[in-house]
Amino acid sequence: ESKLLKKCLGDSNGNCDDNVEVYDWDYGTWNTTLYPHIVKLAPHPTLGSAPKVDVYDAGKYYLLWYDAGSETFYTGNLPEVVSGKEYSVFTTEGTASVVTNMTKTIGENLAEPTNLANAMPVTGRFEKGSNTIYTSRDASCVHSELYICLEKGDYIFLFEANWPDVVTGTEGDSTGLITAAENSGNIYKIVKIGVNQPSPTTYTTEDRYYIVLDKVINWDGSTTIRKGSIGLTPEDQKVGFQWIIKFTPAETGNYEYVRECSGRGLCDAESGLCECFSGYTNDNCDLQSSLAV
């Protein structure tokens, strides 16, 4: 199963030239790339101790870590913890990218950082039930020069994930403030991104840069840290600590729903042929006949 998963995961950064092993895949390891693997886990419909019962439960998304030493896969955020529950695993050909403070100039002329934390991720804060994120800096493609930027219409993940180097720490520091949790694996679409004028509280807590999402966030990410702990200034100004992951769907494997007979005729179930409405012709009625109009 591990070998099959590697093959299915495949490339993670959009560059097949650096894929490894006979499985032609990227490790997507948390500390060596800006491009982690993303999978969707959906409850299995028949197997395990708790088969799928909700027909609308399509599953959730998860960060996937790979430990080459033990050849074991780990999820950064947790699936629902139910003993014996089994999941179907779905992979993607899309690309997930951690949004960082790396600029275009540096990113285009520098190999990926050997430690993801050194790339200084753009962080955000938000409250449960809100659809607005306040970020540590302007992450928009219009105003910023970030190597990985955001714009209206982009998709993002907000995982309550236990990044492996974040294990100890207290409020105000950049470590120990994220613990893996269940049910945080949703995907969001950006409907607005911009910059507010400074407010009376901007000096103490950054609140100018915002992102509005298409739906509310189902977990609390309001923890703040000092900017200085992630290499930004002013050092004592507080910002959020949640990492933002941009998702770019693959250009292949996306299909448009096509109606029977192009919506311009009726399908004869016995013959399998289309009976086109007046003014339309061709096998699937997609051609308009000027002679019949």
Protein backbone atom coordinates (compact mmCIF):
# COMPACT_ATOMS: atom_id res chain seq x y z
CA GLU A 1 0.00 0.00 0.00
CA SER A 2 2.88 2.37 0.75
CA LYS A 3 4.33 1.85 -2.73
CA LEU A 4 0.95 2.41 -4.34
CA LEU A 5 0.44 5.62 -2.36
CA LYS A 6 3.82 6.98 -3.47
CA LYS A 7 2.94 6.33 -7.09
CA CYS A 8 -0.47 7.94 -6.69
CA LEU A 9 0.92 11.00 -4.88
CA GLY A 10 3.39 11.62 -7.69
CA ASP A 11 4.72 15.14 -8.20
CA SER A 12 4.03 17.82 -5.58
CA ASN A 13 5.75 20.97 -6.88
CA GLY A 14 4.79 21.08 -10.55
CA ASN A 15 8.29 20.08 -11.68
CA CYS A 16 8.55 16.42 -12.69
CA ASP A 17 12.29 16.75 -13.39
CA ASP A 18 13.14 16.52 -9.66
CA ASN A 19 10.94 13.51 -8.91
CA VAL A 20 12.65 10.55 -7.24
CA GLU A 21 12.63 6.75 -7.06
CA VAL A 22 10.87 4.36 -9.40
CA TYR A 23 7.54 5.75 -8.20
CA ASP A 24 8.30 9.09 -9.92
CA TRP A 25 7.21 11.15 -6.94
CA ASP A 26 8.25 14.00 -4.63
CA TYR A 27 8.78 13.34 -0.94
CA GLY A 28 6.90 16.53 -0.10
CA THR A 29 8.68 16.46 3.27
CA TRP A 30 7.59 19.24 5.64
CA ASN A 31 11.04 20.79 6.17
CA THR A 32 12.53 20.60 2.68
CA THR A 33 9.90 22.02 0.38
CA LEU A 34 7.27 24.72 -0.02
CA TYR A 35 5.06 22.14 -1.73
CA PRO A 36 3.58 19.53 0.63
CA HIS A 37 1.38 16.65 -0.42
CA ILE A 38 -2.37 17.00 0.10
CA VAL A 39 -4.81 14.09 0.22
CA LYS A 40 -8.51 13.76 0.85
CA LEU A 41 -9.67 11.06 3.26
CA ALA A 42 -13.30 9.99 2.96
CA PRO A 43 -15.01 7.44 5.24
CA HIS A 44 -15.14 4.05 3.50
CA PRO A 45 -18.74 3.17 2.54
CA THR A 46 -18.60 -0.46 3.73
CA LEU A 47 -15.37 -1.32 5.57
CA GLY A 48 -14.19 -0.68 9.13
CA SER A 49 -15.94 -0.16 12.44
CA ALA A 50 -17.70 3.05 11.36
CA PRO A 51 -18.64 2.94 7.66
CA LYS A 52 -19.88 6.05 5.94
CA VAL A 53 -23.51 6.83 6.81
CA ASP A 54 -23.87 10.42 5.58
CA VAL A 55 -24.19 10.38 1.79
CA TYR A 56 -23.07 14.03 1.75
CA ASP A 57 -19.84 13.32 3.65
CA ALA A 58 -17.22 13.69 0.90
CA GLY A 59 -14.34 13.65 3.39
CA LYS A 60 -11.74 16.26 4.34
CA TYR A 61 -8.29 17.33 3.21
CA TYR A 62 -5.05 16.51 5.03
CA LEU A 63 -1.41 17.46 4.94
CA LEU A 64 0.67 14.34 4.45
CA TRP A 65 4.14 13.91 5.97
CA TYR A 66 6.54 11.17 4.86
CA ASP A 67 9.27 9.84 7.13
CA ALA A 68 11.85 8.20 4.86
CA GLY A 69 13.61 6.56 7.81
CA SER A 70 10.61 4.50 8.89
CA GLU A 71 8.88 4.68 5.50
CA THR A 72 5.76 5.87 7.28
CA PHE A 73 3.17 8.44 6.26
CA TYR A 74 1.69 10.83 8.82
CA THR A 75 -1.11 13.36 8.55
CA GLY A 76 -0.37 16.86 9.84
CA ASN A 77 -3.98 17.43 10.88
CA LEU A 78 -5.94 14.59 12.43
CA PRO A 79 -8.72 12.47 10.94
CA GLU A 80 -11.66 11.74 13.20
CA VAL A 81 -10.32 9.45 15.92
CA VAL A 82 -12.56 6.37 15.87
CA SER A 83 -11.00 2.99 16.56
CA GLY A 84 -11.10 0.76 13.49
CA LYS A 85 -12.49 3.43 11.16
CA GLU A 86 -11.26 3.05 7.58
CA TYR A 87 -10.88 5.74 4.92
CA SER A 88 -10.61 5.88 1.17
CA VAL A 89 -7.57 7.92 0.09
CA PHE A 90 -7.83 10.36 -2.82
CA THR A 91 -4.75 12.08 -4.24
CA THR A 92 -4.54 15.11 -6.53
CA GLU A 93 -2.48 16.34 -9.45
CA GLY A 94 -2.92 19.89 -8.17
CA THR A 95 -0.15 21.83 -6.41
CA ALA A 96 -0.22 22.95 -2.78
CA SER A 97 2.14 25.83 -1.91
CA VAL A 98 2.97 27.31 1.49
CA VAL A 99 2.63 31.10 1.32
CA THR A 100 5.89 32.60 2.60
CA ASN A 101 7.69 35.95 2.75
CA MET A 102 10.09 34.82 0.02
CA THR A 103 10.07 37.38 -2.80
CA LYS A 104 9.89 36.63 -6.50
CA THR A 105 13.51 37.70 -7.06
CA ILE A 106 14.84 35.36 -4.38
CA GLY A 107 12.47 32.52 -5.23
CA GLU A 108 13.33 32.48 -8.91
CA ASN A 109 17.08 32.44 -8.30
CA LEU A 110 17.35 30.24 -5.20
CA ALA A 111 16.77 26.55 -4.61
CA GLU A 112 14.01 25.67 -2.21
CA PRO A 113 14.95 26.35 1.43
CA THR A 114 16.37 23.41 3.36
CA ASN A 115 14.15 24.31 6.30
CA LEU A 116 10.65 25.56 5.66
CA ALA A 117 10.65 27.64 8.85
CA ASN A 118 13.57 29.67 7.44
CA ALA A 119 11.35 30.79 4.57
CA MET A 120 9.28 32.78 7.12
CA PRO A 121 5.71 31.77 6.27
CA VAL A 122 3.06 34.44 5.91
CA THR A 123 0.82 33.77 8.90
CA GLY A 124 -2.78 34.58 9.68
CA ARG A 125 -5.29 34.79 12.51
CA PHE A 126 -9.04 34.28 12.50
CA GLU A 127 -11.87 33.41 14.85
CA LYS A 128 -14.09 30.36 14.66
CA GLY A 129 -17.26 31.23 12.75
CA SER A 130 -15.59 34.10 10.88
CA ASN A 131 -14.74 34.18 7.18
CA THR A 132 -11.99 36.81 7.47
CA ILE A 133 -8.26 36.19 7.93
CA TYR A 134 -5.86 38.92 9.08
CA THR A 135 -2.39 38.19 7.71
CA SER A 136 1.08 39.15 8.90
CA ARG A 137 1.75 41.04 5.68
CA ASP A 138 0.10 41.93 2.39
CA ALA A 139 -0.05 38.63 0.49
CA SER A 140 -1.96 39.88 -2.55
CA CYS A 141 -0.47 39.48 -6.01
CA VAL A 142 -1.49 43.05 -6.82
CA HIS A 143 0.42 44.80 -4.04
CA SER A 144 3.20 42.42 -3.04
CA GLU A 145 6.26 40.83 -4.65
CA LEU A 146 5.87 37.47 -2.96
CA TYR A 147 7.12 34.36 -4.75
CA ILE A 148 3.81 32.68 -3.85
CA CYS A 149 1.03 35.28 -3.62
CA LEU A 150 -2.77 35.25 -3.44
CA GLU A 151 -5.59 36.82 -5.41
CA LYS A 152 -9.36 36.73 -5.69
CA GLY A 153 -10.53 33.32 -6.89
CA ASP A 154 -7.57 31.38 -5.42
CA TYR A 155 -8.18 28.35 -3.23
CA ILE A 156 -6.47 27.96 0.15
CA PHE A 157 -6.24 25.47 3.00
CA LEU A 158 -6.13 26.41 6.68
CA PHE A 159 -4.94 23.32 8.52
CA GLU A 160 -4.78 23.07 12.30
CA ALA A 161 -1.72 20.93 11.79
CA ASN A 162 1.17 19.95 14.01
CA TRP A 163 4.15 21.05 11.95
CA PRO A 164 6.88 18.68 13.21
CA ASP A 165 9.28 21.40 14.46
CA VAL A 166 6.57 23.15 16.49
CA VAL A 167 6.64 21.29 19.79
CA THR A 168 7.38 23.64 22.70
CA GLY A 169 6.88 27.26 23.59
CA THR A 170 4.64 29.87 25.16
CA GLU A 171 2.49 32.82 24.10
CA GLY A 172 4.57 35.37 22.23
CA ASP A 173 7.02 32.79 20.89
CA SER A 174 6.75 31.01 17.55
CA THR A 175 6.81 27.46 18.88
CA GLY A 176 4.35 25.23 20.65
CA LEU A 177 1.23 27.13 19.62
CA ILE A 178 -0.20 24.71 17.08
CA THR A 179 -1.51 21.27 17.93
CA ALA A 180 -3.04 18.90 15.42
CA ALA A 181 -6.83 18.77 15.58
CA GLU A 182 -9.71 16.99 13.88
CA ASN A 183 -11.96 18.35 11.16
CA SER A 184 -9.89 21.36 10.07
CA GLY A 185 -9.31 20.07 6.54
CA ASN A 186 -11.60 22.31 4.50
CA ILE A 187 -10.82 24.17 1.30
CA TYR A 188 -11.75 27.84 0.94
CA LYS A 189 -12.05 30.22 -1.99
CA ILE A 190 -10.85 33.81 -1.71
CA VAL A 191 -13.63 36.28 -2.56
CA LYS A 192 -11.76 39.43 -1.52
CA ILE A 193 -8.22 40.37 -0.50
CA GLY A 194 -7.01 43.84 0.40
CA VAL A 195 -5.52 46.36 2.79
CA ASN A 196 -7.35 48.45 5.40
CA GLN A 197 -6.24 51.80 6.72
CA PRO A 198 -4.37 51.59 10.06
CA SER A 199 -6.67 51.39 13.08
CA PRO A 200 -6.06 52.47 16.70
CA THR A 201 -4.94 48.89 17.49
CA THR A 202 -2.64 48.34 14.48
CA TYR A 203 0.43 49.38 16.47
CA THR A 204 0.00 46.43 18.85
CA THR A 205 -1.76 43.89 16.58
CA GLU A 206 -1.51 43.82 12.77
CA ASP A 207 -5.03 44.26 11.36
CA ARG A 208 -4.51 45.96 8.00
CA TYR A 209 -4.07 42.99 5.67
CA TYR A 210 -7.16 40.85 5.22
CA ILE A 211 -8.58 37.96 3.20
CA VAL A 212 -12.32 37.26 2.93
CA LEU A 213 -13.35 33.65 2.23
CA ASP A 214 -16.42 32.10 0.64
CA LYS A 215 -17.48 30.38 3.88
CA VAL A 216 -16.87 30.55 7.61
CA ILE A 217 -13.93 28.77 9.24
CA ASN A 218 -14.91 25.90 11.54
CA TRP A 219 -12.05 26.18 14.04
CA ASP A 220 -10.35 28.89 16.08
CA GLY A 221 -7.05 30.28 14.84
CA SER A 222 -6.90 33.48 16.87
CA THR A 223 -3.57 32.77 18.64
CA THR A 224 -1.07 35.60 18.17
CA ILE A 225 2.72 35.82 18.35
CA ARG A 226 5.37 38.54 18.17
CA LYS A 227 6.40 39.47 14.64
CA GLY A 228 10.02 39.24 15.71
CA SER A 229 9.66 35.50 16.31
CA ILE A 230 9.09 34.93 12.58
CA GLY A 231 11.75 37.38 11.44
CA LEU A 232 9.55 40.40 10.74
CA THR A 233 9.42 43.95 12.05
CA PRO A 234 8.25 45.74 14.14
CA GLU A 235 9.27 42.91 16.45
CA ASP A 236 6.72 43.53 19.22
CA GLN A 237 3.68 43.85 16.99
CA LYS A 238 1.46 40.77 17.23
CA VAL A 239 0.28 38.71 14.26
CA GLY A 240 -1.48 35.39 13.77
CA PHE A 241 0.34 32.08 13.72
CA GLN A 242 -1.63 29.93 11.28
CA TRP A 243 0.08 28.98 8.03
CA ILE A 244 -1.75 29.50 4.73
CA ILE A 245 -1.47 26.95 1.93
CA LYS A 246 -2.46 27.93 -1.59
CA PHE A 247 -3.93 25.22 -3.80
CA THR A 248 -3.72 25.35 -7.60
CA PRO A 249 -5.92 22.70 -9.27
CA ALA A 250 -4.39 20.62 -12.03
CA GLU A 251 -5.04 21.65 -15.61
CA THR A 252 -5.83 18.03 -16.48
CA GLY A 253 -8.45 15.76 -14.96
CA ASN A 254 -11.09 18.49 -14.72
CA TYR A 255 -14.26 17.72 -16.58
CA GLU A 256 -17.24 19.83 -17.56
CA TYR A 257 -20.65 18.24 -17.16
CA VAL A 258 -22.22 17.67 -20.57
CA ARG A 259 -26.00 17.30 -20.91
CA GLU A 260 -27.57 14.60 -23.03
CA CYS A 261 -27.79 15.66 -26.67
CA SER A 262 -26.18 19.00 -25.71
CA GLY A 263 -29.50 20.06 -24.16
CA ARG A 264 -30.86 20.49 -27.68
CA GLY A 265 -32.58 17.16 -28.18
CA LEU A 266 -33.90 14.00 -26.53
CA CYS A 267 -32.00 10.75 -26.18
CA ASP A 268 -33.75 7.60 -27.41
CA ALA A 269 -32.87 5.10 -24.67
CA GLU A 270 -33.41 2.08 -26.92
CA SER A 271 -31.24 3.19 -29.82
CA GLY A 272 -28.88 5.49 -27.90
CA LEU A 273 -29.33 8.12 -30.59
CA CYS A 274 -30.29 11.76 -30.20
CA GLU A 275 -33.53 13.11 -31.63
CA CYS A 276 -32.59 16.76 -32.16
CA PHE A 277 -34.95 19.67 -31.70
CA SER A 278 -35.85 21.73 -34.73
CA GLY A 279 -32.92 23.82 -35.89
CA TYR A 280 -30.20 21.48 -34.53
CA THR A 281 -28.31 18.60 -36.04
CA ASN A 282 -25.25 16.33 -35.64
CA ASP A 283 -24.91 13.16 -33.57
CA ASN A 284 -25.14 15.10 -30.30
CA CYS A 285 -27.30 18.00 -31.58
CA ASP A 286 -24.49 20.50 -31.00
CA LEU A 287 -24.62 21.97 -34.50
CA GLN A 288 -27.16 24.62 -35.36
CA SER A 289 -28.51 24.41 -38.91
CA SER A 290 -29.06 27.80 -40.48
CA LEU A 291 -31.36 26.18 -43.07
CA ALA A 292 -33.74 24.94 -40.40
CA VAL A 293 -33.99 28.16 -38.43
